[in-house]
């Protein structure tokens, strides 16, 4: 996922893009992967589920079919 696809921190006016910090499996939803983003300006964290779907052009060539894009 490129910087232009990262979520925007809703605590700031304008567009302050968050940075990907980690990826986690979701214990409450087996098979679900959650991306944890952090705002570089205020430290606010946001969890974004990652979808499992068709690959996008220029995307991952992973055999498991994960598309690393936010829901």
N, C-alpha and C. Protein backbone atom coordinates (compact mmCIF):
# COMPACT_ATOMS: atom_id res chain seq x y z
N UNK A 1 0.84 -1.17 0.00
CA UNK A 1 0.00 0.00 0.00
C UNK A 1 0.89 1.22 0.00
N UNK A 2 0.67 2.10 -0.94
CA UNK A 2 1.46 3.31 -1.03
C UNK A 2 0.98 4.38 -0.06
N UNK A 3 1.80 5.41 0.11
CA UNK A 3 1.45 6.51 1.01
C UNK A 3 0.15 7.17 0.61
N UNK A 4 -0.11 7.28 -0.69
CA UNK A 4 -1.33 7.93 -1.17
C UNK A 4 -2.58 7.12 -0.83
N UNK A 5 -2.42 5.84 -0.47
CA UNK A 5 -3.54 4.99 -0.10
C UNK A 5 -3.73 4.90 1.41
N UNK A 6 -2.82 5.45 2.19
CA UNK A 6 -2.93 5.40 3.64
C UNK A 6 -4.10 6.28 4.09
N UNK A 7 -4.75 5.91 5.20
CA UNK A 7 -5.87 6.72 5.68
C UNK A 7 -5.41 8.09 6.16
N UNK A 8 -6.34 9.01 6.17
CA UNK A 8 -6.08 10.37 6.63
C UNK A 8 -6.45 10.44 8.11
N UNK A 9 -5.65 11.12 8.92
CA UNK A 9 -5.97 11.31 10.34
C UNK A 9 -7.11 12.31 10.44
N UNK A 10 -8.20 11.89 11.06
CA UNK A 10 -9.39 12.72 11.15
C UNK A 10 -9.29 13.79 12.23
N UNK A 11 -8.22 13.81 12.97
CA UNK A 11 -8.03 14.79 14.04
C UNK A 11 -7.36 16.08 13.58
N UNK A 12 -7.08 16.19 12.28
CA UNK A 12 -6.39 17.36 11.75
C UNK A 12 -7.16 17.94 10.57
N UNK A 13 -7.16 19.27 10.42
CA UNK A 13 -7.71 19.84 9.18
C UNK A 13 -6.75 19.54 8.03
N UNK A 14 -7.27 19.40 6.85
CA UNK A 14 -6.42 19.07 5.71
C UNK A 14 -6.17 17.58 5.66
N UNK A 15 -5.12 17.18 4.95
CA UNK A 15 -4.82 15.75 4.78
C UNK A 15 -3.48 15.40 5.41
N UNK A 16 -3.52 14.91 6.63
CA UNK A 16 -2.32 14.38 7.28
C UNK A 16 -2.42 12.86 7.15
N UNK A 17 -1.59 12.28 6.30
CA UNK A 17 -1.60 10.84 6.06
C UNK A 17 -0.96 10.09 7.21
N UNK A 18 -1.60 8.99 7.59
CA UNK A 18 -1.08 8.16 8.66
C UNK A 18 -0.03 7.20 8.10
N UNK A 19 0.81 6.67 8.98
CA UNK A 19 1.88 5.74 8.59
C UNK A 19 1.51 4.35 9.08
N UNK A 20 1.74 3.34 8.22
CA UNK A 20 1.50 1.96 8.60
C UNK A 20 2.51 1.56 9.67
N UNK A 21 2.00 1.08 10.80
CA UNK A 21 2.88 0.67 11.89
C UNK A 21 3.05 -0.85 11.93
N UNK A 22 1.94 -1.57 11.97
CA UNK A 22 2.01 -3.04 12.04
C UNK A 22 0.79 -3.66 11.38
N UNK A 23 0.88 -4.96 11.13
CA UNK A 23 -0.25 -5.77 10.67
C UNK A 23 -0.48 -6.83 11.73
N UNK A 24 -1.76 -7.09 12.03
CA UNK A 24 -2.11 -8.08 13.05
C UNK A 24 -3.23 -8.97 12.54
N UNK A 25 -3.28 -10.20 13.04
CA UNK A 25 -4.46 -11.03 12.81
C UNK A 25 -5.48 -10.63 13.85
N UNK A 26 -6.76 -10.69 13.49
CA UNK A 26 -7.84 -10.29 14.39
C UNK A 26 -8.34 -11.53 15.13
N UNK A 27 -8.13 -11.59 16.44
CA UNK A 27 -8.52 -12.75 17.24
C UNK A 27 -10.03 -12.98 17.20
N UNK A 28 -10.83 -11.92 17.05
CA UNK A 28 -12.28 -12.04 17.02
C UNK A 28 -12.83 -12.48 15.68
N UNK A 29 -12.02 -12.40 14.65
CA UNK A 29 -12.46 -12.77 13.30
C UNK A 29 -11.34 -13.56 12.63
N UNK A 30 -11.38 -14.88 12.75
CA UNK A 30 -10.34 -15.71 12.14
C UNK A 30 -10.19 -15.42 10.64
N UNK A 31 -8.97 -15.31 10.19
CA UNK A 31 -8.72 -15.03 8.78
C UNK A 31 -8.70 -13.56 8.44
N UNK A 32 -9.03 -12.69 9.40
CA UNK A 32 -9.04 -11.24 9.14
C UNK A 32 -7.70 -10.64 9.55
N UNK A 33 -7.15 -9.79 8.71
CA UNK A 33 -5.91 -9.08 9.00
C UNK A 33 -6.25 -7.61 9.20
N UNK A 34 -5.66 -6.99 10.23
CA UNK A 34 -5.92 -5.59 10.54
C UNK A 34 -4.61 -4.82 10.44
N UNK A 35 -4.64 -3.70 9.72
CA UNK A 35 -3.48 -2.80 9.64
C UNK A 35 -3.64 -1.74 10.73
N UNK A 36 -2.57 -1.48 11.46
CA UNK A 36 -2.58 -0.44 12.49
C UNK A 36 -1.77 0.74 11.95
N UNK A 37 -2.44 1.89 11.82
CA UNK A 37 -1.81 3.11 11.33
C UNK A 37 -1.64 4.08 12.50
N UNK A 38 -0.59 4.90 12.44
CA UNK A 38 -0.33 5.91 13.46
C UNK A 38 -0.13 7.25 12.77
N UNK A 39 -0.72 8.30 13.35
CA UNK A 39 -0.54 9.66 12.82
C UNK A 39 0.84 10.16 13.24
N UNK A 40 1.64 10.65 12.29
CA UNK A 40 2.98 11.12 12.63
C UNK A 40 2.97 12.42 13.44
N UNK A 41 1.84 13.14 13.42
CA UNK A 41 1.78 14.43 14.12
C UNK A 41 1.23 14.33 15.54
N UNK A 42 0.21 13.48 15.75
CA UNK A 42 -0.42 13.44 17.08
C UNK A 42 -0.35 12.07 17.75
N UNK A 43 0.06 11.02 17.01
CA UNK A 43 0.17 9.69 17.59
C UNK A 43 -1.12 8.90 17.63
N UNK A 44 -2.21 9.45 17.11
CA UNK A 44 -3.49 8.75 17.09
C UNK A 44 -3.37 7.46 16.29
N UNK A 45 -3.93 6.36 16.80
CA UNK A 45 -3.89 5.07 16.11
C UNK A 45 -5.24 4.75 15.51
N UNK A 46 -5.19 4.11 14.35
CA UNK A 46 -6.43 3.68 13.67
C UNK A 46 -6.20 2.28 13.12
N UNK A 47 -7.18 1.41 13.36
CA UNK A 47 -7.12 0.04 12.86
C UNK A 47 -8.01 -0.07 11.63
N UNK A 48 -7.46 -0.63 10.56
CA UNK A 48 -8.19 -0.75 9.29
C UNK A 48 -8.15 -2.21 8.84
N UNK A 49 -9.33 -2.85 8.68
CA UNK A 49 -9.33 -4.24 8.19
C UNK A 49 -8.79 -4.31 6.77
N UNK A 50 -8.07 -5.36 6.47
CA UNK A 50 -7.53 -5.60 5.14
C UNK A 50 -8.43 -6.61 4.45
N UNK A 51 -8.82 -6.32 3.23
CA UNK A 51 -9.72 -7.20 2.50
C UNK A 51 -8.96 -8.32 1.83
N UNK A 52 -9.64 -9.40 1.63
CA UNK A 52 -9.09 -10.50 0.87
C UNK A 52 -9.90 -10.53 -0.42
N UNK A 53 -9.25 -10.27 -1.53
CA UNK A 53 -9.99 -10.19 -2.77
C UNK A 53 -9.07 -10.28 -3.97
N UNK A 54 -9.59 -9.89 -5.13
CA UNK A 54 -8.79 -9.98 -6.35
C UNK A 54 -7.60 -9.03 -6.30
N UNK A 55 -6.54 -9.43 -6.95
CA UNK A 55 -5.33 -8.60 -7.00
C UNK A 55 -5.56 -7.41 -7.91
N UNK A 56 -4.94 -6.30 -7.55
CA UNK A 56 -4.98 -5.11 -8.38
C UNK A 56 -3.75 -5.10 -9.27
N UNK A 57 -3.84 -4.43 -10.41
CA UNK A 57 -2.67 -4.36 -11.28
C UNK A 57 -1.54 -3.65 -10.54
N UNK A 58 -0.35 -4.20 -10.67
CA UNK A 58 0.80 -3.63 -9.98
C UNK A 58 0.83 -3.99 -8.51
N UNK A 59 -0.12 -4.81 -8.06
CA UNK A 59 -0.22 -5.17 -6.65
C UNK A 59 0.61 -6.39 -6.34
N UNK A 60 0.23 -7.04 -5.29
CA UNK A 60 0.97 -8.20 -4.81
C UNK A 60 0.83 -9.36 -5.78
N UNK A 61 1.86 -10.17 -5.85
CA UNK A 61 1.79 -11.39 -6.66
C UNK A 61 1.68 -12.59 -5.73
N UNK A 62 1.13 -12.35 -4.55
CA UNK A 62 0.98 -13.41 -3.55
C UNK A 62 0.04 -14.49 -4.04
N UNK A 63 0.38 -15.72 -3.78
CA UNK A 63 -0.43 -16.85 -4.21
C UNK A 63 -1.69 -17.02 -3.36
N UNK A 64 -1.72 -16.41 -2.15
CA UNK A 64 -2.87 -16.60 -1.27
C UNK A 64 -4.03 -15.66 -1.59
N UNK A 65 -3.86 -14.75 -2.54
CA UNK A 65 -4.96 -13.89 -2.99
C UNK A 65 -5.22 -12.66 -2.15
N UNK A 66 -4.38 -12.37 -1.14
CA UNK A 66 -4.62 -11.17 -0.36
C UNK A 66 -4.38 -9.92 -1.20
N UNK A 67 -5.30 -8.99 -1.12
CA UNK A 67 -5.15 -7.68 -1.74
C UNK A 67 -4.93 -6.71 -0.60
N UNK A 68 -3.78 -6.11 -0.51
CA UNK A 68 -3.43 -5.27 0.64
C UNK A 68 -4.02 -3.89 0.49
N UNK A 69 -5.34 -3.79 0.51
CA UNK A 69 -6.04 -2.52 0.44
C UNK A 69 -7.03 -2.40 1.56
N UNK A 70 -7.28 -1.22 2.00
CA UNK A 70 -8.22 -1.00 3.11
C UNK A 70 -9.65 -1.22 2.65
N UNK A 71 -10.49 -1.61 3.60
CA UNK A 71 -11.91 -1.81 3.33
C UNK A 71 -12.55 -0.47 3.13
